[in-house]
């Protein structure tokens, strides 16, 4: 296992958004955190706490250092952790920062890789913009769909756990999101956009 090398710049920093604690485990809002956890697991790495308001794992792949993080802040304060992580890993170009997030505006199971642009009302992204003063970071957007028939507000929808069928769909797209993240590390954001932004 790779030993953490404090102060070593990362080639890529991937932050999986979510809410901390068992109360929120398995909710739609936490698919970003689930994705970075999957990547760490694939490489036999475990998350450790105590730095930058986050749980952190480091993966060495193809000679490149990938830093994976799950903020310990709540979703609406994600920017506090992301700003500290950017400093911790010496990210001087925001294209080396990938935010993995849930997305109401994409159908369940749909994946989109994006660089910069609008925030689509996502509170975690708003907080990141406030603290970084920029939206020039990359994103892996994981579709969780809007609540059917307007019966449930978006804020309630994201904090609920999916049903059996939807859970299965999300597990598949989280695997794909993990693949997309590894593609970004190896080949860059543009290559991942070409490969994964299928209709």
N, C-alpha and C. Protein backbone atom coordinates (compact mmCIF):
# COMPACT_ATOMS: atom_id res chain seq x y z
N UNK A 1 0.84 -1.20 0.00
CA UNK A 1 0.00 0.00 0.00
C UNK A 1 0.87 1.25 0.00
N UNK A 2 0.37 2.26 -0.69
CA UNK A 2 1.12 3.52 -0.78
C UNK A 2 1.04 4.27 0.54
N UNK A 3 2.17 4.73 1.02
CA UNK A 3 2.19 5.55 2.23
C UNK A 3 1.91 6.99 1.87
N UNK A 4 1.13 7.62 2.71
CA UNK A 4 0.82 9.02 2.44
C UNK A 4 2.09 9.85 2.54
N UNK A 5 2.29 10.70 1.53
CA UNK A 5 3.47 11.56 1.51
C UNK A 5 3.00 12.99 1.65
N UNK A 6 2.95 13.47 2.87
CA UNK A 6 2.42 14.80 3.15
C UNK A 6 3.12 15.86 2.32
N UNK A 7 2.33 16.66 1.64
CA UNK A 7 2.88 17.75 0.86
C UNK A 7 3.19 17.40 -0.58
N UNK A 8 3.12 16.11 -0.93
CA UNK A 8 3.39 15.72 -2.32
C UNK A 8 2.23 16.12 -3.21
N UNK A 9 2.48 16.88 -4.26
CA UNK A 9 1.39 17.28 -5.16
C UNK A 9 0.77 16.07 -5.84
N UNK A 10 -0.54 16.11 -6.01
CA UNK A 10 -1.25 15.05 -6.73
C UNK A 10 -1.36 15.41 -8.20
N UNK A 11 -1.32 14.39 -9.04
CA UNK A 11 -1.57 14.61 -10.47
C UNK A 11 -3.05 14.87 -10.72
N UNK A 12 -3.89 14.29 -9.86
CA UNK A 12 -5.33 14.51 -9.95
C UNK A 12 -5.93 14.38 -8.56
N UNK A 13 -6.82 15.29 -8.22
CA UNK A 13 -7.56 15.26 -6.96
C UNK A 13 -9.03 15.03 -7.29
N UNK A 14 -9.59 13.94 -6.78
CA UNK A 14 -11.00 13.62 -7.00
C UNK A 14 -11.74 13.67 -5.68
N UNK A 15 -12.76 14.50 -5.62
CA UNK A 15 -13.55 14.68 -4.40
C UNK A 15 -14.96 14.16 -4.65
N UNK A 16 -15.35 13.15 -3.89
CA UNK A 16 -16.70 12.59 -4.00
C UNK A 16 -17.61 13.25 -2.99
N UNK A 17 -18.60 13.99 -3.49
CA UNK A 17 -19.48 14.73 -2.59
C UNK A 17 -20.51 13.82 -1.93
N UNK A 18 -20.92 14.24 -0.73
CA UNK A 18 -21.93 13.51 0.03
C UNK A 18 -22.05 14.13 1.41
N UNK A 19 -22.83 13.49 2.24
CA UNK A 19 -22.96 13.90 3.64
C UNK A 19 -22.30 12.85 4.51
N UNK A 20 -21.60 13.25 5.58
CA UNK A 20 -20.91 12.28 6.43
C UNK A 20 -21.86 11.56 7.37
N UNK A 21 -21.44 10.38 7.82
CA UNK A 21 -22.18 9.65 8.84
C UNK A 21 -23.08 8.57 8.26
N UNK A 22 -23.32 7.54 9.07
CA UNK A 22 -24.14 6.41 8.65
C UNK A 22 -25.56 6.77 8.31
N UNK A 23 -26.05 7.84 8.89
CA UNK A 23 -27.42 8.30 8.63
C UNK A 23 -27.66 8.57 7.14
N UNK A 24 -26.59 8.98 6.44
CA UNK A 24 -26.72 9.35 5.03
C UNK A 24 -26.15 8.30 4.08
N UNK A 25 -25.58 7.24 4.61
CA UNK A 25 -25.00 6.20 3.76
C UNK A 25 -26.09 5.59 2.88
N UNK A 26 -25.77 5.42 1.61
CA UNK A 26 -26.71 4.80 0.69
C UNK A 26 -27.76 5.73 0.12
N UNK A 27 -27.72 7.02 0.48
CA UNK A 27 -28.68 7.97 -0.09
C UNK A 27 -28.22 8.42 -1.47
N UNK A 28 -29.15 8.97 -2.24
CA UNK A 28 -28.83 9.42 -3.59
C UNK A 28 -27.75 10.51 -3.57
N UNK A 29 -27.79 11.36 -2.56
CA UNK A 29 -26.85 12.48 -2.48
C UNK A 29 -25.40 12.00 -2.32
N UNK A 30 -25.21 10.74 -1.93
CA UNK A 30 -23.87 10.25 -1.61
C UNK A 30 -23.23 9.41 -2.71
N UNK A 31 -23.80 9.43 -3.92
CA UNK A 31 -23.23 8.60 -4.98
C UNK A 31 -21.82 9.07 -5.36
N UNK A 32 -21.52 10.35 -5.19
CA UNK A 32 -20.16 10.83 -5.45
C UNK A 32 -19.16 10.22 -4.49
N UNK A 33 -19.51 10.25 -3.21
CA UNK A 33 -18.65 9.63 -2.19
C UNK A 33 -18.51 8.14 -2.44
N UNK A 34 -19.60 7.49 -2.87
CA UNK A 34 -19.55 6.05 -3.17
C UNK A 34 -18.57 5.76 -4.31
N UNK A 35 -18.50 6.67 -5.28
CA UNK A 35 -17.63 6.47 -6.45
C UNK A 35 -16.16 6.49 -6.06
N UNK A 36 -15.75 7.49 -5.28
CA UNK A 36 -14.33 7.54 -4.90
C UNK A 36 -13.98 6.39 -3.96
N UNK A 37 -14.96 5.94 -3.16
CA UNK A 37 -14.72 4.77 -2.30
C UNK A 37 -14.47 3.53 -3.15
N UNK A 38 -15.21 3.40 -4.25
CA UNK A 38 -15.03 2.27 -5.15
C UNK A 38 -13.65 2.29 -5.80
N UNK A 39 -13.20 3.46 -6.23
CA UNK A 39 -11.87 3.56 -6.85
C UNK A 39 -10.79 3.18 -5.84
N UNK A 40 -10.92 3.66 -4.62
CA UNK A 40 -9.94 3.30 -3.58
C UNK A 40 -9.93 1.79 -3.36
N UNK A 41 -11.11 1.19 -3.30
CA UNK A 41 -11.23 -0.24 -3.08
C UNK A 41 -10.59 -1.04 -4.21
N UNK A 42 -10.77 -0.59 -5.44
CA UNK A 42 -10.17 -1.27 -6.59
C UNK A 42 -8.65 -1.35 -6.48
N UNK A 43 -8.06 -0.36 -5.84
CA UNK A 43 -6.60 -0.29 -5.72
C UNK A 43 -6.10 -0.74 -4.35
N UNK A 44 -7.01 -1.30 -3.55
CA UNK A 44 -6.61 -1.81 -2.24
C UNK A 44 -6.25 -0.76 -1.23
N UNK A 45 -6.77 0.46 -1.41
CA UNK A 45 -6.47 1.56 -0.49
C UNK A 45 -7.64 1.82 0.45
N UNK A 46 -7.32 2.35 1.62
CA UNK A 46 -8.34 2.72 2.61
C UNK A 46 -8.27 4.20 2.90
N UNK A 47 -9.40 4.75 3.29
CA UNK A 47 -9.45 6.18 3.63
C UNK A 47 -8.96 6.38 5.06
N UNK A 48 -8.25 7.50 5.23
CA UNK A 48 -7.79 7.91 6.56
C UNK A 48 -8.24 9.33 6.79
N UNK A 49 -8.51 9.66 8.06
CA UNK A 49 -9.00 10.99 8.38
C UNK A 49 -7.92 11.90 8.93
N UNK A 50 -8.36 13.09 9.35
CA UNK A 50 -7.46 13.98 10.05
C UNK A 50 -6.85 15.10 9.25
N UNK A 51 -7.10 15.16 7.95
CA UNK A 51 -6.52 16.24 7.16
C UNK A 51 -7.58 16.88 6.26
N UNK A 52 -7.53 18.19 6.16
CA UNK A 52 -8.35 18.95 5.21
C UNK A 52 -9.84 18.67 5.34
N UNK A 53 -10.32 18.45 6.57
CA UNK A 53 -11.75 18.20 6.80
C UNK A 53 -12.28 17.06 5.95
N UNK A 54 -11.46 16.04 5.72
CA UNK A 54 -11.84 14.98 4.78
C UNK A 54 -11.24 13.64 5.18
N UNK A 55 -11.85 12.58 4.65
CA UNK A 55 -11.22 11.28 4.60
C UNK A 55 -10.46 11.22 3.28
N UNK A 56 -9.22 10.73 3.32
CA UNK A 56 -8.35 10.78 2.15
C UNK A 56 -7.72 9.41 1.89
N UNK A 57 -7.67 9.03 0.62
CA UNK A 57 -6.92 7.85 0.18
C UNK A 57 -6.05 8.28 -0.99
N UNK A 58 -4.87 7.69 -1.10
CA UNK A 58 -3.97 8.01 -2.21
C UNK A 58 -3.69 6.75 -3.02
N UNK A 59 -3.80 6.89 -4.33
CA UNK A 59 -3.62 5.77 -5.25
C UNK A 59 -2.51 6.12 -6.23
N UNK A 60 -1.57 5.22 -6.42
CA UNK A 60 -0.53 5.38 -7.44
C UNK A 60 -0.91 4.48 -8.61
N UNK A 61 -1.09 5.07 -9.78
CA UNK A 61 -1.53 4.31 -10.95
C UNK A 61 -0.77 4.80 -12.18
N UNK A 62 0.01 3.93 -12.78
CA UNK A 62 0.75 4.31 -13.97
C UNK A 62 1.74 5.44 -13.73
N UNK A 63 2.30 5.48 -12.51
CA UNK A 63 3.26 6.53 -12.17
C UNK A 63 2.62 7.85 -11.78
N UNK A 64 1.29 7.89 -11.74
CA UNK A 64 0.58 9.12 -11.37
C UNK A 64 -0.05 8.96 -9.99
N UNK A 65 -0.10 10.07 -9.26
CA UNK A 65 -0.71 10.06 -7.93
C UNK A 65 -2.12 10.62 -8.01
N UNK A 66 -3.08 9.78 -7.65
CA UNK A 66 -4.49 10.17 -7.58
C UNK A 66 -4.88 10.29 -6.12
N UNK A 67 -5.28 11.49 -5.72
CA UNK A 67 -5.78 11.71 -4.36
C UNK A 67 -7.30 11.62 -4.39
N UNK A 68 -7.86 10.79 -3.53
CA UNK A 68 -9.31 10.60 -3.42
C UNK A 68 -9.76 11.14 -2.08
N UNK A 69 -10.87 11.87 -2.08
CA UNK A 69 -11.32 12.48 -0.82
C UNK A 69 -12.83 12.43 -0.69
N UNK A 70 -13.27 12.23 0.54
CA UNK A 70 -14.67 12.35 0.94
C UNK A 70 -14.74 13.42 2.03
N UNK A 71 -15.32 14.58 1.73
CA UNK A 71 -15.40 15.64 2.75
C UNK A 71 -16.16 15.18 3.99
N UNK A 72 -15.70 15.63 5.15
CA UNK A 72 -16.40 15.39 6.41
C UNK A 72 -17.35 16.53 6.74
N UNK A 73 -17.37 17.53 5.88
CA UNK A 73 -18.35 18.61 6.00
C UNK A 73 -19.66 18.14 5.39
N UNK A 74 -20.76 18.80 5.74
CA UNK A 74 -22.02 18.49 5.08
C UNK A 74 -22.01 19.06 3.67
N UNK A 75 -22.88 18.52 2.83
CA UNK A 75 -22.89 18.87 1.41
C UNK A 75 -22.83 20.38 1.18
N UNK A 76 -23.66 21.14 1.90
CA UNK A 76 -23.75 22.58 1.65
C UNK A 76 -22.49 23.35 2.04
N UNK A 77 -21.57 22.69 2.75
CA UNK A 77 -20.29 23.31 3.12
C UNK A 77 -19.11 22.62 2.46
N UNK A 78 -19.35 21.93 1.36
CA UNK A 78 -18.30 21.16 0.68
C UNK A 78 -17.09 22.02 0.32
N UNK A 79 -17.33 23.28 0.01
CA UNK A 79 -16.24 24.16 -0.42
C UNK A 79 -15.15 24.32 0.62
N UNK A 80 -15.51 24.26 1.91
CA UNK A 80 -14.50 24.37 2.97
C UNK A 80 -13.47 23.26 2.85
N UNK A 81 -13.97 22.03 2.66
CA UNK A 81 -13.07 20.89 2.53
C UNK A 81 -12.30 20.93 1.21
N UNK A 82 -12.99 21.28 0.13
CA UNK A 82 -12.34 21.27 -1.19
C UNK A 82 -11.20 22.30 -1.23
N UNK A 83 -11.43 23.47 -0.67
CA UNK A 83 -10.37 24.48 -0.65
C UNK A 83 -9.14 23.96 0.10
N UNK A 84 -9.37 23.32 1.25
CA UNK A 84 -8.26 22.77 2.03
C UNK A 84 -7.56 21.64 1.28
N UNK A 85 -8.32 20.83 0.56
CA UNK A 85 -7.74 19.73 -0.22
C UNK A 85 -6.89 20.24 -1.38
N UNK A 86 -7.38 21.28 -2.04
CA UNK A 86 -6.62 21.88 -3.15
C UNK A 86 -5.26 22.36 -2.66
N UNK A 87 -5.24 22.96 -1.47
CA UNK A 87 -3.97 23.41 -0.89
C UNK A 87 -3.10 22.21 -0.49
N UNK A 88 -3.72 21.25 0.15
CA UNK A 88 -2.99 20.07 0.65
C UNK A 88 -2.27 19.33 -0.48
N UNK A 89 -2.91 19.23 -1.64
CA UNK A 89 -2.35 18.45 -2.74
C UNK A 89 -1.76 19.30 -3.85
N UNK A 90 -1.57 20.60 -3.59
CA UNK A 90 -0.86 21.46 -4.52
C UNK A 90 -1.50 21.55 -5.89
N UNK A 91 -2.82 21.63 -5.92
CA UNK A 91 -3.53 21.72 -7.19
C UNK A 91 -3.48 23.17 -7.67
N UNK A 92 -2.61 23.43 -8.65
CA UNK A 92 -2.43 24.79 -9.15
C UNK A 92 -3.21 25.05 -10.44
N UNK A 93 -3.83 24.00 -10.97
CA UNK A 93 -4.65 24.09 -12.18
C UNK A 93 -5.94 23.35 -11.88
N UNK A 94 -7.08 24.06 -11.89
CA UNK A 94 -8.33 23.44 -11.46
C UNK A 94 -8.82 22.35 -12.40
N UNK A 95 -8.22 22.21 -13.57
CA UNK A 95 -8.57 21.07 -14.42
C UNK A 95 -8.04 19.76 -13.83
N UNK A 96 -7.18 19.87 -12.80
CA UNK A 96 -6.68 18.69 -12.09
C UNK A 96 -7.57 18.34 -10.90
N UNK A 97 -8.66 19.07 -10.75
CA UNK A 97 -9.65 18.80 -9.70
C UNK A 97 -10.91 18.23 -10.34
N UNK A 98 -11.35 17.06 -9.87
CA UNK A 98 -12.57 16.43 -10.35
C UNK A 98 -13.54 16.31 -9.19
N UNK A 99 -14.72 16.87 -9.35
CA UNK A 99 -15.78 16.74 -8.36
C UNK A 99 -16.76 15.68 -8.85
N UNK A 100 -16.99 14.65 -8.04
CA UNK A 100 -17.94 13.59 -8.40
C UNK A 100 -19.22 13.85 -7.61
N UNK A 101 -20.34 13.99 -8.31
CA UNK A 101 -21.56 14.50 -7.68
C UNK A 101 -22.83 13.82 -8.21
N UNK A 102 -23.87 13.89 -7.42
CA UNK A 102 -25.21 13.49 -7.86
C UNK A 102 -25.81 14.61 -8.70
N UNK A 103 -26.70 14.27 -9.62
CA UNK A 103 -27.30 15.28 -10.49
C UNK A 103 -28.78 15.00 -10.74
N UNK A 104 -29.63 15.87 -10.17
CA UNK A 104 -31.07 15.76 -10.37
C UNK A 104 -31.48 15.94 -11.82
N UNK A 105 -30.75 16.76 -12.57
CA UNK A 105 -31.13 17.09 -13.94
C UNK A 105 -30.77 16.02 -14.96
N UNK A 106 -30.15 14.94 -14.52
CA UNK A 106 -29.88 13.80 -15.40
C UNK A 106 -30.73 12.62 -14.96
N UNK A 107 -31.27 11.85 -15.92
CA UNK A 107 -32.05 10.67 -15.56
C UNK A 107 -31.23 9.68 -14.74
N UNK A 108 -31.89 8.90 -13.92
CA UNK A 108 -31.20 7.89 -13.12
C UNK A 108 -30.38 6.97 -14.03
N UNK A 109 -29.12 6.80 -13.68
CA UNK A 109 -28.25 5.91 -14.45
C UNK A 109 -27.49 6.58 -15.57
N UNK A 110 -27.77 7.86 -15.82
CA UNK A 110 -27.06 8.60 -16.87
C UNK A 110 -25.79 9.21 -16.27
N UNK A 111 -24.73 9.23 -17.07
CA UNK A 111 -23.45 9.77 -16.62
C UNK A 111 -22.99 10.87 -17.57
N UNK A 112 -22.42 11.93 -17.02
CA UNK A 112 -21.87 12.99 -17.85
C UNK A 112 -20.57 13.51 -17.23
N UNK A 113 -19.55 13.63 -18.07
CA UNK A 113 -18.29 14.25 -17.67
C UNK A 113 -18.29 15.66 -18.23
N UNK A 114 -17.93 16.63 -17.40
CA UNK A 114 -18.06 18.04 -17.77
C UNK A 114 -16.86 18.82 -17.23
N UNK A 115 -16.46 19.85 -17.95
CA UNK A 115 -15.40 20.74 -17.48
C UNK A 115 -15.95 22.16 -17.42
N UNK A 116 -16.01 22.73 -16.21
CA UNK A 116 -16.51 24.09 -16.03
C UNK A 116 -18.01 24.19 -16.27
N UNK A 117 -18.48 25.43 -16.46
CA UNK A 117 -19.89 25.66 -16.77
C UNK A 117 -20.76 25.87 -15.55
N UNK A 118 -22.08 25.83 -15.78
CA UNK A 118 -23.06 26.12 -14.75
C UNK A 118 -23.14 25.04 -13.68
N UNK A 119 -23.84 25.36 -12.60
CA UNK A 119 -23.88 24.49 -11.43
C UNK A 119 -25.20 23.73 -11.29
N UNK A 120 -26.20 24.06 -12.11
CA UNK A 120 -27.50 23.38 -12.09
C UNK A 120 -28.13 23.36 -10.70
N UNK A 121 -27.88 24.41 -9.91
CA UNK A 121 -28.53 24.53 -8.60
C UNK A 121 -28.02 23.59 -7.53
N UNK A 122 -26.88 22.95 -7.76
CA UNK A 122 -26.34 21.99 -6.79
C UNK A 122 -25.64 22.74 -5.66
N UNK A 123 -26.13 22.56 -4.43
CA UNK A 123 -25.62 23.34 -3.30
C UNK A 123 -24.16 23.03 -2.97
N UNK A 124 -23.74 21.79 -3.16
CA UNK A 124 -22.34 21.46 -2.93
C UNK A 124 -21.43 22.19 -3.89
N UNK A 125 -21.84 22.26 -5.16
CA UNK A 125 -21.05 22.98 -6.17
C UNK A 125 -21.05 24.48 -5.90
N UNK A 126 -22.16 25.00 -5.43
CA UNK A 126 -22.22 26.43 -5.08
C UNK A 126 -21.20 26.76 -4.01
N UNK A 127 -21.11 25.90 -3.01
CA UNK A 127 -20.16 26.12 -1.92
C UNK A 127 -18.72 26.06 -2.45
N UNK A 128 -18.45 25.14 -3.35
CA UNK A 128 -17.11 25.02 -3.94
C UNK A 128 -16.78 26.28 -4.73
N UNK A 129 -17.73 26.77 -5.50
CA UNK A 129 -17.50 28.01 -6.26
C UNK A 129 -17.20 29.17 -5.32
N UNK A 130 -17.93 29.26 -4.23
CA UNK A 130 -17.72 30.35 -3.26
C UNK A 130 -16.30 30.33 -2.70
N UNK A 131 -15.77 29.15 -2.45
CA UNK A 131 -14.46 29.03 -1.80
C UNK A 131 -13.29 29.02 -2.78
N UNK A 132 -13.53 28.59 -4.01
CA UNK A 132 -12.46 28.58 -5.02
C UNK A 132 -12.54 29.79 -5.95
N UNK A 133 -13.67 30.50 -5.91
CA UNK A 133 -13.90 31.65 -6.79
C UNK A 133 -13.78 31.25 -8.26
N UNK A 134 -14.21 30.05 -8.57
CA UNK A 134 -14.11 29.55 -9.94
C UNK A 134 -15.00 28.32 -10.11
N UNK A 135 -15.38 28.06 -11.36
CA UNK A 135 -16.06 26.80 -11.69
C UNK A 135 -15.27 26.03 -12.75
N UNK A 136 -13.98 26.31 -12.84
CA UNK A 136 -13.16 25.72 -13.90
C UNK A 136 -12.65 24.32 -13.58
N UNK A 137 -13.32 23.64 -12.67
CA UNK A 137 -12.94 22.27 -12.32
C UNK A 137 -13.77 21.28 -13.15
N UNK A 138 -13.29 20.05 -13.21
CA UNK A 138 -14.01 19.00 -13.93
C UNK A 138 -15.05 18.37 -13.00
N UNK A 139 -16.08 17.80 -13.63
CA UNK A 139 -17.13 17.14 -12.86
C UNK A 139 -17.52 15.82 -13.49
N UNK A 140 -17.78 14.86 -12.66
CA UNK A 140 -18.45 13.63 -13.10
C UNK A 140 -19.83 13.69 -12.47
N UNK A 141 -20.84 13.86 -13.33
CA UNK A 141 -22.22 14.04 -12.87
C UNK A 141 -22.95 12.70 -12.99
N UNK A 142 -23.51 12.25 -11.89
CA UNK A 142 -24.21 10.96 -11.84
C UNK A 142 -25.70 11.23 -11.70
N UNK A 143 -26.46 10.82 -12.71
CA UNK A 143 -27.89 11.09 -12.72
C UNK A 143 -28.65 10.32 -11.65
N UNK A 144 -29.42 11.06 -10.85
CA UNK A 144 -30.30 10.42 -9.86
C UNK A 144 -31.77 10.71 -10.18
N UNK A 145 -32.02 11.49 -11.25
CA UNK A 145 -33.39 11.77 -11.68
C UNK A 145 -34.14 12.68 -10.73
N UNK A 146 -35.20 13.25 -11.25
CA UNK A 146 -36.07 14.09 -10.42
C UNK A 146 -37.17 13.23 -9.81
N UNK A 147 -37.72 13.64 -8.67
CA UNK A 147 -38.79 12.86 -8.06
C UNK A 147 -39.98 12.75 -8.99
N UNK A 148 -40.58 11.57 -9.13
CA UNK A 148 -41.67 11.37 -10.07
C UNK A 148 -42.93 12.13 -9.68
N UNK A 149 -43.56 12.74 -10.67
CA UNK A 149 -44.86 13.37 -10.47
C UNK A 149 -44.87 14.54 -9.53
N UNK A 150 -43.70 15.07 -9.20
CA UNK A 150 -43.64 16.23 -8.31
C UNK A 150 -44.14 15.96 -6.91
N UNK A 151 -44.21 14.67 -6.53
CA UNK A 151 -44.74 14.32 -5.20
C UNK A 151 -43.75 14.64 -4.08
N UNK A 152 -42.51 14.75 -4.46
CA UNK A 152 -41.46 14.91 -3.46
C UNK A 152 -40.53 16.04 -3.90
N UNK A 153 -40.17 16.89 -2.98
CA UNK A 153 -39.23 17.96 -3.33
C UNK A 153 -37.85 17.38 -3.59
N UNK A 154 -37.08 18.09 -4.43
CA UNK A 154 -35.74 17.64 -4.74
C UNK A 154 -34.89 17.45 -3.50
N UNK A 155 -35.04 18.37 -2.53
CA UNK A 155 -34.24 18.30 -1.30
C UNK A 155 -34.53 17.02 -0.52
N UNK A 156 -35.78 16.56 -0.56
CA UNK A 156 -36.12 15.31 0.11
C UNK A 156 -35.65 14.11 -0.71
N UNK A 157 -35.80 14.21 -2.02
CA UNK A 157 -35.44 13.13 -2.93
C UNK A 157 -33.97 12.73 -2.78
N UNK A 158 -33.09 13.72 -2.73
CA UNK A 158 -31.65 13.41 -2.69
C UNK A 158 -31.24 12.76 -1.38
N UNK A 159 -32.00 13.00 -0.31
CA UNK A 159 -31.62 12.47 1.00
C UNK A 159 -32.27 11.12 1.31
N UNK A 160 -33.02 10.60 0.36
CA UNK A 160 -33.65 9.28 0.54
C UNK A 160 -32.82 8.19 -0.13
N UNK A 161 -33.02 6.97 0.35
CA UNK A 161 -32.36 5.83 -0.27
C UNK A 161 -33.23 5.33 -1.42
N UNK A 162 -32.60 4.91 -2.52
CA UNK A 162 -33.37 4.44 -3.67
C UNK A 162 -34.00 3.08 -3.41
N UNK A 163 -35.08 2.79 -4.17
CA UNK A 163 -35.68 1.47 -4.13
C UNK A 163 -34.78 0.44 -4.78
N UNK A 164 -35.21 -0.82 -4.76
CA UNK A 164 -34.36 -1.93 -5.22
C UNK A 164 -33.92 -1.76 -6.68
N UNK A 165 -34.86 -1.46 -7.57
CA UNK A 165 -34.53 -1.34 -8.99
C UNK A 165 -33.61 -0.15 -9.24
N UNK A 166 -33.95 0.98 -8.63
CA UNK A 166 -33.13 2.18 -8.81
C UNK A 166 -31.74 1.98 -8.20
N UNK A 167 -31.68 1.31 -7.08
CA UNK A 167 -30.39 1.04 -6.44
C UNK A 167 -29.48 0.27 -7.38
N UNK A 168 -30.06 -0.71 -8.07
CA UNK A 168 -29.29 -1.50 -9.02
C UNK A 168 -28.76 -0.63 -10.16
N UNK A 169 -29.59 0.29 -10.66
CA UNK A 169 -29.17 1.21 -11.72
C UNK A 169 -28.03 2.11 -11.24
N UNK A 170 -28.15 2.59 -10.00
CA UNK A 170 -27.12 3.48 -9.46
C UNK A 170 -25.81 2.74 -9.23
N UNK A 171 -25.89 1.49 -8.83
CA UNK A 171 -24.66 0.71 -8.64
C UNK A 171 -23.91 0.57 -9.96
N UNK A 172 -24.65 0.38 -11.05
CA UNK A 172 -24.02 0.25 -12.38
C UNK A 172 -23.36 1.57 -12.78
N UNK A 173 -24.06 2.69 -12.58
CA UNK A 173 -23.51 3.98 -13.02
C UNK A 173 -22.35 4.42 -12.11
N UNK A 174 -22.36 4.03 -10.85
CA UNK A 174 -21.22 4.33 -9.97
C UNK A 174 -19.97 3.59 -10.47
N UNK A 175 -20.14 2.35 -10.92
CA UNK A 175 -19.02 1.62 -11.53
C UNK A 175 -18.50 2.37 -12.76
N UNK A 176 -19.43 2.86 -13.58
CA UNK A 176 -19.05 3.59 -14.78
C UNK A 176 -18.36 4.91 -14.42
N UNK A 177 -18.86 5.57 -13.38
CA UNK A 177 -18.24 6.82 -12.93
C UNK A 177 -16.82 6.57 -12.44
N UNK A 178 -16.61 5.46 -11.76
CA UNK A 178 -15.26 5.09 -11.31
C UNK A 178 -14.34 4.85 -12.51
N UNK A 179 -14.88 4.20 -13.54
CA UNK A 179 -14.12 4.00 -14.78
C UNK A 179 -13.76 5.34 -15.42
N UNK A 180 -14.73 6.27 -15.43
CA UNK A 180 -14.51 7.59 -16.02
C UNK A 180 -13.42 8.35 -15.27
N UNK A 181 -13.41 8.22 -13.95
CA UNK A 181 -12.38 8.89 -13.15
C UNK A 181 -11.00 8.33 -13.48
N UNK A 182 -10.91 7.03 -13.61
CA UNK A 182 -9.61 6.43 -13.96
C UNK A 182 -9.20 6.82 -15.37
N UNK A 183 -10.16 6.99 -16.26
CA UNK A 183 -9.88 7.46 -17.62
C UNK A 183 -9.32 8.89 -17.59
N UNK A 184 -9.90 9.74 -16.75
CA UNK A 184 -9.40 11.12 -16.63
C UNK A 184 -7.95 11.11 -16.16
N UNK A 185 -7.64 10.26 -15.19
CA UNK A 185 -6.27 10.18 -14.68
C UNK A 185 -5.30 9.77 -15.79
N UNK A 186 -5.70 8.79 -16.59
CA UNK A 186 -4.79 8.23 -17.60
C UNK A 186 -4.75 9.07 -18.87
N UNK A 187 -5.92 9.52 -19.33
CA UNK A 187 -6.02 10.11 -20.68
C UNK A 187 -6.52 11.55 -20.71
N UNK A 188 -7.00 12.09 -19.58
CA UNK A 188 -7.47 13.46 -19.53
C UNK A 188 -8.98 13.60 -19.64
N UNK A 189 -9.45 14.80 -19.32
CA UNK A 189 -10.89 15.07 -19.27
C UNK A 189 -11.54 14.94 -20.64
N UNK A 190 -10.89 15.47 -21.67
CA UNK A 190 -11.48 15.44 -23.01
C UNK A 190 -11.73 14.00 -23.47
N UNK A 191 -10.77 13.13 -23.21
CA UNK A 191 -10.93 11.73 -23.59
C UNK A 191 -12.10 11.09 -22.84
N UNK A 192 -12.23 11.42 -21.56
CA UNK A 192 -13.34 10.88 -20.77
C UNK A 192 -14.68 11.41 -21.27
N UNK A 193 -14.73 12.68 -21.66
CA UNK A 193 -15.96 13.24 -22.20
C UNK A 193 -16.37 12.52 -23.47
N UNK A 194 -15.41 12.26 -24.34
CA UNK A 194 -15.69 11.57 -25.60
C UNK A 194 -16.19 10.15 -25.34
N UNK A 195 -15.59 9.49 -24.37
CA UNK A 195 -15.91 8.08 -24.12
C UNK A 195 -17.20 7.88 -23.35
N UNK A 196 -17.49 8.79 -22.41
CA UNK A 196 -18.60 8.52 -21.48
C UNK A 196 -19.84 9.38 -21.68
N UNK A 197 -19.76 10.45 -22.45
CA UNK A 197 -20.94 11.30 -22.64
C UNK A 197 -21.80 10.78 -23.79
N UNK A 198 -22.23 9.55 -23.64
CA UNK A 198 -23.09 8.93 -24.65
C UNK A 198 -24.55 9.20 -24.32
N UNK A 199 -25.38 9.24 -25.34
CA UNK A 199 -26.82 9.47 -25.11
C UNK A 199 -27.53 8.14 -24.96
